[in-house]
Amino acid sequence: MSADHEQHPLFLPLVFVGGLIFGFGLGFSHMAQPEVVLSFLQFQDFGLLFVMFGAAVVTGITFFGVKFVRTDAPLTGATYGRRLKTLDKNVVIGGGIFGVGWGLSGICPGAAYASLGIGNYPILTGIVGMFLGAYIQGFWRSARADSSTPATTAD
């Protein structure tokens, strides 16, 4: 968030409530159960396809329609804008790693936390793996950035 936008005091509580609603939706739709997700990935149960399609339709309508109602975010004042990211090798590699992890564990990061909420405590190993992978990626990326920065010498 930029310094010229003041954050509304309800910002964090609403993010928390939104996360609770999202987690409840994941639990209600059974997307927080790795067995259900794995059966979907093995083309045995297509129920999650309808859940994801419904979510995509609601999100698409919201993102399309909000620009006709508001020009800025109500809790931050930031102007709505479209961020375009180029499709580079980092996006492809990261997407591949995410997909393999999703296929092996049967759960994505958001649903992993919801899975804890329904009592699936063995998923903690997957969550630890996600944090470890994120840490390794951050360490690798910062080491790569440091090596590409030219060293300055004092004259």
C-alpha atoms as a PDB file:
ATOM      1  CA  MET A   1       0.000   0.000   0.000  1.00  0.00           C
ATOM      2  CA  SER A   2       1.366   3.426  -0.829  1.00  0.00           C
ATOM      3  CA  ALA A   3       1.903   6.095   1.790  1.00  0.00           C
ATOM      4  CA  ASP A   4      -0.699   8.447   0.281  1.00  0.00           C
ATOM      5  CA  HIS A   5      -3.570   6.057   1.042  1.00  0.00           C
ATOM      6  CA  GLU A   6      -4.753   5.804   4.631  1.00  0.00           C
ATOM      7  CA  GLN A   7      -5.910   2.370   5.713  1.00  0.00           C
ATOM      8  CA  HIS A   8      -9.416   2.230   7.168  1.00  0.00           C
ATOM      9  CA  PRO A   9      -9.580   0.885  10.758  1.00  0.00           C
ATOM     10  CA  LEU A  10     -11.919  -1.911   9.635  1.00  0.00           C
ATOM     11  CA  PHE A  11      -9.475  -3.169   7.005  1.00  0.00           C
ATOM     12  CA  LEU A  12      -7.850  -5.970   9.052  1.00  0.00           C
ATOM     13  CA  PRO A  13     -11.050  -7.104  10.802  1.00  0.00           C
ATOM     14  CA  LEU A  14     -12.804  -7.361   7.417  1.00  0.00           C
ATOM     15  CA  VAL A  15      -9.878  -9.305   5.969  1.00  0.00           C
ATOM     16  CA  PHE A  16     -10.194 -11.690   8.929  1.00  0.00           C
ATOM     17  CA  VAL A  17     -13.965 -12.076   8.430  1.00  0.00           C
ATOM     18  CA  GLY A  18     -13.441 -12.601   4.696  1.00  0.00           C
ATOM     19  CA  GLY A  19     -10.917 -15.334   5.472  1.00  0.00           C
ATOM     20  CA  LEU A  20     -13.401 -17.009   7.814  1.00  0.00           C
ATOM     21  CA  ILE A  21     -16.116 -16.930   5.143  1.00  0.00           C
ATOM     22  CA  PHE A  22     -13.661 -18.275   2.549  1.00  0.00           C
ATOM     23  CA  GLY A  23     -12.568 -21.066   4.900  1.00  0.00           C
ATOM     24  CA  PHE A  24     -16.184 -21.943   5.705  1.00  0.00           C
ATOM     25  CA  GLY A  25     -16.947 -22.099   1.981  1.00  0.00           C
ATOM     26  CA  LEU A  26     -13.993 -24.398   1.390  1.00  0.00           C
ATOM     27  CA  GLY A  27     -15.134 -26.670   4.206  1.00  0.00           C
ATOM     28  CA  PHE A  28     -18.776 -26.616   3.101  1.00  0.00           C
ATOM     29  CA  SER A  29     -17.873 -27.461  -0.506  1.00  0.00           C
ATOM     30  CA  HIS A  30     -15.517 -30.254   0.654  1.00  0.00           C
ATOM     31  CA  MET A  31     -12.543 -28.572  -1.036  1.00  0.00           C
ATOM     32  CA  ALA A  32     -10.719 -28.783   2.314  1.00  0.00           C
ATOM     33  CA  GLN A  33     -10.732 -32.580   2.128  1.00  0.00           C
ATOM     34  CA  PRO A  34      -7.692 -33.897   0.260  1.00  0.00           C
ATOM     35  CA  GLU A  35      -9.518 -37.116  -0.648  1.00  0.00           C
ATOM     36  CA  VAL A  36     -12.202 -35.189  -2.527  1.00  0.00           C
ATOM     37  CA  VAL A  37      -9.637 -33.022  -4.313  1.00  0.00           C
ATOM     38  CA  LEU A  38      -7.554 -36.047  -5.309  1.00  0.00           C
ATOM     39  CA  SER A  39     -10.620 -37.831  -6.701  1.00  0.00           C
ATOM     40  CA  PHE A  40     -11.314 -34.694  -8.746  1.00  0.00           C
ATOM     41  CA  LEU A  41      -7.722 -34.628 -10.036  1.00  0.00           C
ATOM     42  CA  GLN A  42      -8.067 -38.306 -11.002  1.00  0.00           C
ATOM     43  CA  PHE A  43     -11.255 -37.525 -12.995  1.00  0.00           C
ATOM     44  CA  GLN A  44     -13.457 -39.599 -10.675  1.00  0.00           C
ATOM     45  CA  ASP A  45     -15.556 -36.834  -9.106  1.00  0.00           C
ATOM     46  CA  PHE A  46     -16.419 -33.652 -10.978  1.00  0.00           C
ATOM     47  CA  GLY A  47     -18.292 -31.921  -8.155  1.00  0.00           C
ATOM     48  CA  LEU A  48     -15.414 -29.537  -7.484  1.00  0.00           C
ATOM     49  CA  LEU A  49     -15.522 -28.421 -11.087  1.00  0.00           C
ATOM     50  CA  PHE A  50     -18.924 -26.861 -10.382  1.00  0.00           C
ATOM     51  CA  VAL A  51     -17.613 -25.236  -7.190  1.00  0.00           C
ATOM     52  CA  MET A  52     -14.666 -23.693  -9.036  1.00  0.00           C
ATOM     53  CA  PHE A  53     -16.843 -22.653 -11.991  1.00  0.00           C
ATOM     54  CA  GLY A  54     -19.314 -20.951  -9.656  1.00  0.00           C
ATOM     55  CA  ALA A  55     -16.515 -19.118  -7.883  1.00  0.00           C
ATOM     56  CA  ALA A  56     -14.996 -18.020 -11.207  1.00  0.00           C
ATOM     57  CA  VAL A  57     -18.345 -16.685 -12.463  1.00  0.00           C
ATOM     58  CA  VAL A  58     -19.016 -14.698  -9.274  1.00  0.00           C
ATOM     59  CA  THR A  59     -15.462 -13.311  -9.265  1.00  0.00           C
ATOM     60  CA  GLY A  60     -15.596 -12.428 -12.956  1.00  0.00           C
ATOM     61  CA  ILE A  61     -18.895 -10.582 -12.621  1.00  0.00           C
ATOM     62  CA  THR A  62     -17.607  -8.737  -9.557  1.00  0.00           C
ATOM     63  CA  PHE A  63     -14.350  -7.632 -11.194  1.00  0.00           C
ATOM     64  CA  PHE A  64     -16.187  -6.579 -14.347  1.00  0.00           C
ATOM     65  CA  GLY A  65     -18.990  -4.747 -12.544  1.00  0.00           C
ATOM     66  CA  VAL A  66     -17.101  -2.981  -9.768  1.00  0.00           C
ATOM     67  CA  LYS A  67     -15.553  -0.467 -12.170  1.00  0.00           C
ATOM     68  CA  PHE A  68     -19.048   0.838 -12.951  1.00  0.00           C
ATOM     69  CA  VAL A  69     -19.883   1.334  -9.269  1.00  0.00           C
ATOM     70  CA  ARG A  70     -16.599   2.546  -7.736  1.00  0.00           C
ATOM     71  CA  THR A  71     -13.271   3.887  -8.920  1.00  0.00           C
ATOM     72  CA  ASP A  72     -11.354   3.246  -5.708  1.00  0.00           C
ATOM     73  CA  ALA A  73     -11.208   0.647  -2.964  1.00  0.00           C
ATOM     74  CA  PRO A  74     -13.480   1.659  -0.048  1.00  0.00           C
ATOM     75  CA  LEU A  75     -11.098   0.650   2.749  1.00  0.00           C
ATOM     76  CA  THR A  76      -7.792   1.843   1.294  1.00  0.00           C
ATOM     77  CA  GLY A  77      -8.689   4.547  -1.202  1.00  0.00           C
ATOM     78  CA  ALA A  78      -6.371   2.940  -3.760  1.00  0.00           C
ATOM     79  CA  THR A  79      -7.532   3.251  -7.358  1.00  0.00           C
ATOM     80  CA  TYR A  80      -8.643   0.039  -9.005  1.00  0.00           C
ATOM     81  CA  GLY A  81      -6.343  -1.009 -11.759  1.00  0.00           C
ATOM     82  CA  ARG A  82      -5.396  -4.021 -13.756  1.00  0.00           C
ATOM     83  CA  ARG A  83      -2.029  -5.574 -13.076  1.00  0.00           C
ATOM     84  CA  LEU A  84      -0.548  -7.473 -15.944  1.00  0.00           C
ATOM     85  CA  LYS A  85       2.224  -9.956 -15.302  1.00  0.00           C
ATOM     86  CA  THR A  86       4.258 -11.324 -18.130  1.00  0.00           C
ATOM     87  CA  LEU A  87       4.374 -15.053 -18.634  1.00  0.00           C
ATOM     88  CA  ASP A  88       8.032 -15.763 -17.954  1.00  0.00           C
ATOM     89  CA  LYS A  89       9.946 -18.840 -16.872  1.00  0.00           C
ATOM     90  CA  ASN A  90       9.485 -18.021 -13.167  1.00  0.00           C
ATOM     91  CA  VAL A  91       5.700 -18.074 -13.579  1.00  0.00           C
ATOM     92  CA  VAL A  92       5.814 -21.366 -15.485  1.00  0.00           C
ATOM     93  CA  ILE A  93       8.206 -23.028 -13.019  1.00  0.00           C
ATOM     94  CA  GLY A  94       6.288 -21.716  -9.995  1.00  0.00           C
ATOM     95  CA  GLY A  95       2.981 -22.872 -11.466  1.00  0.00           C
ATOM     96  CA  GLY A  96       4.467 -26.290 -12.146  1.00  0.00           C
ATOM     97  CA  ILE A  97       5.754 -26.641  -8.586  1.00  0.00           C
ATOM     98  CA  PHE A  98       2.382 -25.465  -7.238  1.00  0.00           C
ATOM     99  CA  GLY A  99       0.540 -27.984  -9.422  1.00  0.00           C
ATOM    100  CA  VAL A 100       2.782 -30.882  -8.416  1.00  0.00           C
ATOM    101  CA  GLY A 101       2.393 -29.968  -4.739  1.00  0.00           C
ATOM    102  CA  TRP A 102      -1.373 -29.712  -5.155  1.00  0.00           C
ATOM    103  CA  GLY A 103      -1.503 -33.075  -6.901  1.00  0.00           C
ATOM    104  CA  LEU A 104       0.677 -34.833  -4.318  1.00  0.00           C
ATOM    105  CA  SER A 105      -1.027 -33.419  -1.234  1.00  0.00           C
ATOM    106  CA  GLY A 106      -4.535 -32.982  -2.635  1.00  0.00           C
ATOM    107  CA  ILE A 107      -4.745 -29.520  -1.139  1.00  0.00           C
ATOM    108  CA  CYS A 108      -3.753 -25.966  -2.044  1.00  0.00           C
ATOM    109  CA  PRO A 109      -2.447 -23.439   0.509  1.00  0.00           C
ATOM    110  CA  GLY A 110      -5.776 -21.734   1.270  1.00  0.00           C
ATOM    111  CA  ALA A 111      -7.626 -24.986   1.631  1.00  0.00           C
ATOM    112  CA  ALA A 112      -4.859 -26.404   3.843  1.00  0.00           C
ATOM    113  CA  TYR A 113      -5.747 -23.933   6.595  1.00  0.00           C
ATOM    114  CA  ALA A 114      -9.441 -24.687   6.189  1.00  0.00           C
ATOM    115  CA  SER A 115      -8.549 -28.374   6.399  1.00  0.00           C
ATOM    116  CA  LEU A 116      -7.030 -27.719   9.830  1.00  0.00           C
ATOM    117  CA  GLY A 117     -10.359 -26.192  10.813  1.00  0.00           C
ATOM    118  CA  ILE A 118     -12.199 -29.426  10.013  1.00  0.00           C
ATOM    119  CA  GLY A 119      -9.726 -31.463  12.069  1.00  0.00           C
ATOM    120  CA  ASN A 120      -7.290 -32.691   9.428  1.00  0.00           C
ATOM    121  CA  TYR A 121      -4.142 -32.266  11.531  1.00  0.00           C
ATOM    122  CA  PRO A 122      -1.854 -34.459   9.369  1.00  0.00           C
ATOM    123  CA  ILE A 123      -2.061 -31.633   6.798  1.00  0.00           C
ATOM    124  CA  LEU A 124       0.387 -29.779   9.061  1.00  0.00           C
ATOM    125  CA  THR A 125       3.194 -31.617   7.250  1.00  0.00           C
ATOM    126  CA  GLY A 126       2.010 -30.100   3.985  1.00  0.00           C
ATOM    127  CA  ILE A 127       1.770 -26.638   5.547  1.00  0.00           C
ATOM    128  CA  VAL A 128       5.311 -26.962   6.909  1.00  0.00           C
ATOM    129  CA  GLY A 129       6.409 -27.978   3.404  1.00  0.00           C
ATOM    130  CA  MET A 130       4.716 -24.888   1.935  1.00  0.00           C
ATOM    131  CA  PHE A 131       6.476 -22.599   4.405  1.00  0.00           C
ATOM    132  CA  LEU A 132       9.795 -24.344   3.822  1.00  0.00           C
ATOM    133  CA  GLY A 133       9.411 -24.043   0.047  1.00  0.00           C
ATOM    134  CA  ALA A 134       8.498 -20.356   0.320  1.00  0.00           C
ATOM    135  CA  TYR A 135      11.503 -19.722   2.577  1.00  0.00           C
ATOM    136  CA  ILE A 136      13.885 -21.539   0.220  1.00  0.00           C
ATOM    137  CA  GLN A 137      12.500 -19.635  -2.764  1.00  0.00           C
ATOM    138  CA  GLY A 138      12.879 -16.303  -0.956  1.00  0.00           C
ATOM    139  CA  PHE A 139      16.422 -17.158   0.127  1.00  0.00           C
ATOM    140  CA  TRP A 140      17.340 -18.293  -3.395  1.00  0.00           C
ATOM    141  CA  ARG A 141      15.814 -15.211  -4.982  1.00  0.00           C
ATOM    142  CA  SER A 142      17.553 -12.782  -2.602  1.00  0.00           C
ATOM    143  CA  ALA A 143      20.893 -14.578  -3.086  1.00  0.00           C
ATOM    144  CA  ARG A 144      20.410 -14.330  -6.845  1.00  0.00           C
ATOM    145  CA  ALA A 145      19.570 -10.618  -6.586  1.00  0.00           C
ATOM    146  CA  ASP A 146      22.631  -9.986  -4.404  1.00  0.00           C
ATOM    147  CA  SER A 147      24.938 -11.757  -6.886  1.00  0.00           C
ATOM    148  CA  SER A 148      23.598  -9.724  -9.813  1.00  0.00           C
ATOM    149  CA  THR A 149      24.093  -6.398  -7.997  1.00  0.00           C
ATOM    150  CA  PRO A 150      27.473  -4.928  -8.937  1.00  0.00           C
ATOM    151  CA  ALA A 151      29.813  -4.465  -5.992  1.00  0.00           C
ATOM    152  CA  THR A 152      30.910  -0.916  -5.299  1.00  0.00           C
ATOM    153  CA  THR A 153      34.405  -0.118  -4.196  1.00  0.00           C
ATOM    154  CA  ALA A 154      35.498   2.766  -2.033  1.00  0.00           C
ATOM    155  CA  ASP A 155      38.058   4.974  -3.755  1.00  0.00           C
END
